Amino acid sequence: MKIEKLIKENKGSIIDVRTPMEFSAGHVEGSKNIPLTEITSRMDELKQLPSPLILCCASGMRSKQVEGFLKSQKIDCVNAGSWLEINYIKFN
């Protein structure tokens, strides 16, 4: 399923991998903040969330890293890039 459709139909879970400070400055409504540095220690939590996991950050670089790792762990996920792009898709 395309990322745009997942977002518009509220499928899966939006995971923002930025730092808590970045997240508090602005984020996608309903998204969950799990920073890149905490991904491995929060795997049990990630596995419990509705899939696919829709990953975002500031530019898409950190979320791409997380996508590679999660896919290697057999977790259904997609890199959606910037959280601002998700907001644009969600509200347009």
N, C-alpha and C. Protein backbone atom coordinates (compact mmCIF):
# COMPACT_ATOMS: atom_id res chain seq x y z
N MET A 1 0.85 -1.18 0.00
CA MET A 1 0.00 0.00 0.00
C MET A 1 0.90 1.24 0.00
N LYS A 2 0.51 2.24 -0.76
CA LYS A 2 1.31 3.46 -0.84
C LYS A 2 1.27 4.21 0.49
N ILE A 3 2.36 4.91 0.77
CA ILE A 3 2.47 5.67 2.02
C ILE A 3 1.32 6.66 2.16
N GLU A 4 1.00 7.36 1.07
CA GLU A 4 -0.07 8.36 1.12
C GLU A 4 -1.39 7.73 1.56
N LYS A 5 -1.69 6.55 1.01
CA LYS A 5 -2.94 5.87 1.36
C LYS A 5 -2.93 5.42 2.82
N LEU A 6 -1.81 4.90 3.29
CA LEU A 6 -1.70 4.50 4.69
C LEU A 6 -2.00 5.67 5.62
N ILE A 7 -1.42 6.83 5.28
CA ILE A 7 -1.58 8.02 6.12
C ILE A 7 -3.02 8.52 6.08
N LYS A 8 -3.57 8.66 4.88
CA LYS A 8 -4.93 9.19 4.74
C LYS A 8 -5.98 8.28 5.37
N GLU A 9 -5.74 6.97 5.33
CA GLU A 9 -6.70 6.01 5.89
C GLU A 9 -6.38 5.64 7.34
N ASN A 10 -5.41 6.35 7.94
CA ASN A 10 -5.01 6.10 9.33
C ASN A 10 -4.66 4.64 9.59
N LYS A 11 -3.92 4.05 8.67
CA LYS A 11 -3.47 2.66 8.82
C LYS A 11 -2.10 2.66 9.51
N GLY A 12 -1.84 1.66 10.31
CA GLY A 12 -0.54 1.53 10.93
C GLY A 12 -0.30 2.52 12.05
N SER A 13 0.97 2.74 12.36
CA SER A 13 1.39 3.64 13.45
C SER A 13 2.48 4.56 12.94
N ILE A 14 2.34 5.84 13.20
CA ILE A 14 3.37 6.80 12.82
C ILE A 14 4.38 6.91 13.95
N ILE A 15 5.63 6.60 13.63
CA ILE A 15 6.72 6.62 14.61
C ILE A 15 7.72 7.70 14.21
N ASP A 16 7.90 8.67 15.08
CA ASP A 16 8.84 9.77 14.85
C ASP A 16 10.13 9.44 15.60
N VAL A 17 11.22 9.30 14.86
CA VAL A 17 12.48 8.86 15.47
C VAL A 17 13.42 10.02 15.84
N ARG A 18 12.89 11.24 15.83
CA ARG A 18 13.70 12.39 16.25
C ARG A 18 13.87 12.41 17.77
N THR A 19 14.70 13.32 18.24
CA THR A 19 14.91 13.47 19.68
C THR A 19 13.64 14.02 20.33
N PRO A 20 13.47 13.80 21.64
CA PRO A 20 12.31 14.36 22.33
C PRO A 20 12.21 15.89 22.18
N MET A 21 13.35 16.57 22.16
CA MET A 21 13.33 18.03 22.01
C MET A 21 12.78 18.42 20.63
N GLU A 22 13.24 17.73 19.59
CA GLU A 22 12.74 18.00 18.24
C GLU A 22 11.24 17.70 18.17
N PHE A 23 10.85 16.58 18.74
CA PHE A 23 9.45 16.16 18.73
C PHE A 23 8.56 17.18 19.42
N SER A 24 9.02 17.70 20.56
CA SER A 24 8.21 18.67 21.32
C SER A 24 8.06 19.99 20.59
N ALA A 25 8.96 20.28 19.66
CA ALA A 25 8.87 21.53 18.88
C ALA A 25 7.83 21.43 17.76
N GLY A 26 7.37 20.22 17.45
CA GLY A 26 6.37 20.01 16.42
C GLY A 26 6.41 18.58 15.94
N HIS A 27 5.22 18.00 15.73
CA HIS A 27 5.14 16.61 15.28
C HIS A 27 3.78 16.33 14.66
N VAL A 28 3.66 15.16 14.07
CA VAL A 28 2.40 14.72 13.48
C VAL A 28 1.45 14.34 14.62
N GLU A 29 0.25 14.88 14.58
CA GLU A 29 -0.75 14.55 15.59
C GLU A 29 -0.97 13.04 15.62
N GLY A 30 -0.92 12.47 16.80
CA GLY A 30 -1.14 11.03 16.95
C GLY A 30 0.10 10.18 16.77
N SER A 31 1.23 10.82 16.44
CA SER A 31 2.46 10.04 16.26
C SER A 31 3.08 9.71 17.61
N LYS A 32 3.94 8.71 17.60
CA LYS A 32 4.62 8.27 18.82
C LYS A 32 6.10 8.56 18.65
N ASN A 33 6.71 9.16 19.67
CA ASN A 33 8.13 9.48 19.62
C ASN A 33 8.96 8.34 20.22
N ILE A 34 9.70 7.68 19.34
CA ILE A 34 10.67 6.66 19.77
C ILE A 34 11.98 7.03 19.09
N PRO A 35 12.84 7.77 19.79
CA PRO A 35 14.09 8.25 19.19
C PRO A 35 14.96 7.13 18.63
N LEU A 36 15.70 7.45 17.59
CA LEU A 36 16.62 6.52 16.95
C LEU A 36 17.47 5.79 17.99
N THR A 37 17.97 6.52 18.98
CA THR A 37 18.87 5.93 19.98
C THR A 37 18.16 4.94 20.91
N GLU A 38 16.82 4.90 20.88
CA GLU A 38 16.07 4.00 21.77
C GLU A 38 15.41 2.84 21.02
N ILE A 39 15.57 2.79 19.71
CA ILE A 39 14.87 1.78 18.91
C ILE A 39 15.15 0.36 19.42
N THR A 40 16.41 0.01 19.60
CA THR A 40 16.73 -1.37 20.00
C THR A 40 16.19 -1.72 21.39
N SER A 41 16.18 -0.75 22.29
CA SER A 41 15.71 -1.03 23.65
C SER A 41 14.19 -1.02 23.75
N ARG A 42 13.51 -0.58 22.70
CA ARG A 42 12.04 -0.50 22.74
C ARG A 42 11.39 -1.42 21.70
N MET A 43 12.12 -2.46 21.30
CA MET A 43 11.61 -3.38 20.29
C MET A 43 10.30 -4.05 20.70
N ASP A 44 10.17 -4.44 21.95
CA ASP A 44 8.93 -5.08 22.40
C ASP A 44 7.74 -4.14 22.20
N GLU A 45 7.94 -2.88 22.53
CA GLU A 45 6.90 -1.87 22.35
C GLU A 45 6.55 -1.71 20.87
N LEU A 46 7.57 -1.63 20.02
CA LEU A 46 7.34 -1.47 18.58
C LEU A 46 6.56 -2.65 18.01
N LYS A 47 6.86 -3.85 18.47
CA LYS A 47 6.19 -5.05 17.96
C LYS A 47 4.72 -5.09 18.34
N GLN A 48 4.32 -4.36 19.37
CA GLN A 48 2.93 -4.35 19.82
C GLN A 48 2.07 -3.33 19.07
N LEU A 49 2.70 -2.40 18.36
CA LEU A 49 1.96 -1.34 17.68
C LEU A 49 1.32 -1.85 16.39
N PRO A 50 0.18 -1.25 16.00
CA PRO A 50 -0.44 -1.63 14.72
C PRO A 50 0.54 -1.38 13.57
N SER A 51 0.64 -2.35 12.67
CA SER A 51 1.55 -2.19 11.54
C SER A 51 0.77 -1.85 10.28
N PRO A 52 1.47 -1.29 9.30
CA PRO A 52 2.90 -1.06 9.27
C PRO A 52 3.29 0.15 10.11
N LEU A 53 4.56 0.17 10.51
CA LEU A 53 5.09 1.34 11.19
C LEU A 53 5.49 2.34 10.11
N ILE A 54 4.98 3.55 10.22
CA ILE A 54 5.28 4.62 9.27
C ILE A 54 6.31 5.51 9.94
N LEU A 55 7.53 5.44 9.47
CA LEU A 55 8.66 6.10 10.14
C LEU A 55 8.91 7.49 9.58
N CYS A 56 9.22 8.43 10.47
CA CYS A 56 9.56 9.78 10.02
C CYS A 56 10.59 10.40 10.95
N CYS A 57 11.20 11.47 10.47
CA CYS A 57 12.15 12.26 11.26
C CYS A 57 12.14 13.67 10.68
N ALA A 58 13.27 14.35 10.67
CA ALA A 58 13.33 15.70 10.12
C ALA A 58 13.48 15.68 8.60
N SER A 59 14.38 14.83 8.10
CA SER A 59 14.65 14.82 6.65
C SER A 59 14.43 13.47 5.99
N GLY A 60 14.35 12.42 6.77
CA GLY A 60 14.21 11.08 6.22
C GLY A 60 15.45 10.22 6.38
N MET A 61 16.54 10.81 6.84
CA MET A 61 17.79 10.05 7.00
C MET A 61 17.75 9.09 8.20
N ARG A 62 17.36 9.60 9.35
CA ARG A 62 17.29 8.73 10.53
C ARG A 62 16.21 7.67 10.37
N SER A 63 15.07 8.07 9.79
CA SER A 63 14.00 7.09 9.61
C SER A 63 14.41 6.01 8.60
N LYS A 64 15.27 6.35 7.64
CA LYS A 64 15.77 5.35 6.69
C LYS A 64 16.66 4.33 7.42
N GLN A 65 17.49 4.82 8.34
CA GLN A 65 18.32 3.93 9.15
C GLN A 65 17.46 2.96 9.95
N VAL A 66 16.43 3.51 10.59
CA VAL A 66 15.54 2.69 11.40
C VAL A 66 14.79 1.69 10.53
N GLU A 67 14.36 2.12 9.36
CA GLU A 67 13.66 1.22 8.44
C GLU A 67 14.52 0.00 8.11
N GLY A 68 15.78 0.22 7.78
CA GLY A 68 16.68 -0.88 7.47
C GLY A 68 16.81 -1.86 8.62
N PHE A 69 16.98 -1.31 9.82
CA PHE A 69 17.11 -2.17 11.00
C PHE A 69 15.83 -2.95 11.27
N LEU A 70 14.68 -2.26 11.26
CA LEU A 70 13.42 -2.93 11.57
C LEU A 70 13.08 -4.01 10.53
N LYS A 71 13.35 -3.73 9.27
CA LYS A 71 13.10 -4.74 8.24
C LYS A 71 13.99 -5.96 8.46
N SER A 72 15.22 -5.74 8.93
CA SER A 72 16.10 -6.88 9.22
C SER A 72 15.57 -7.71 10.38
N GLN A 73 14.71 -7.10 11.19
CA GLN A 73 14.07 -7.79 12.32
C GLN A 73 12.68 -8.30 11.96
N LYS A 74 12.35 -8.23 10.66
CA LYS A 74 11.06 -8.72 10.12
C LYS A 74 9.86 -7.92 10.62
N ILE A 75 10.06 -6.62 10.84
CA ILE A 75 8.96 -5.74 11.24
C ILE A 75 8.50 -4.96 10.01
N ASP A 76 7.19 -4.97 9.77
CA ASP A 76 6.59 -4.28 8.63
C ASP A 76 6.67 -2.77 8.85
N CYS A 77 7.42 -2.07 8.00
CA CYS A 77 7.59 -0.63 8.16
C CYS A 77 7.91 0.03 6.83
N VAL A 78 7.69 1.35 6.80
CA VAL A 78 8.03 2.16 5.62
C VAL A 78 8.65 3.47 6.09
N ASN A 79 9.57 3.98 5.30
CA ASN A 79 10.17 5.28 5.60
C ASN A 79 9.35 6.34 4.87
N ALA A 80 8.70 7.21 5.62
CA ALA A 80 7.88 8.27 5.03
C ALA A 80 8.63 9.59 4.92
N GLY A 81 9.89 9.63 5.36
CA GLY A 81 10.68 10.85 5.23
C GLY A 81 10.40 11.84 6.35
N SER A 82 10.23 13.09 5.96
CA SER A 82 10.03 14.18 6.92
C SER A 82 8.64 14.15 7.55
N TRP A 83 8.57 14.46 8.83
CA TRP A 83 7.28 14.54 9.51
C TRP A 83 6.42 15.63 8.89
N LEU A 84 7.05 16.65 8.31
CA LEU A 84 6.30 17.72 7.66
C LEU A 84 5.56 17.20 6.42
N GLU A 85 6.18 16.26 5.71
CA GLU A 85 5.52 15.65 4.54
C GLU A 85 4.30 14.86 4.97
N ILE A 86 4.40 14.16 6.09
CA ILE A 86 3.25 13.40 6.59
C ILE A 86 2.12 14.35 6.95
N ASN A 87 2.44 15.44 7.63
CA ASN A 87 1.41 16.43 7.96
C ASN A 87 0.75 16.96 6.71
N TYR A 88 1.53 17.23 5.68
CA TYR A 88 0.98 17.75 4.42
C TYR A 88 0.00 16.73 3.83
N ILE A 89 0.41 15.47 3.77
CA ILE A 89 -0.45 14.42 3.21
C ILE A 89 -1.72 14.28 4.05
N LYS A 90 -1.55 14.30 5.35
CA LYS A 90 -2.67 14.08 6.27
C LYS A 90 -3.74 15.16 6.16
N PHE A 91 -3.33 16.38 5.92
CA PHE A 91 -4.27 17.49 5.95
C PHE A 91 -4.57 18.11 4.60
N ASN A 92 -4.18 17.47 3.52
CA ASN A 92 -4.48 17.97 2.17
C ASN A 92 -5.13 16.90 1.33
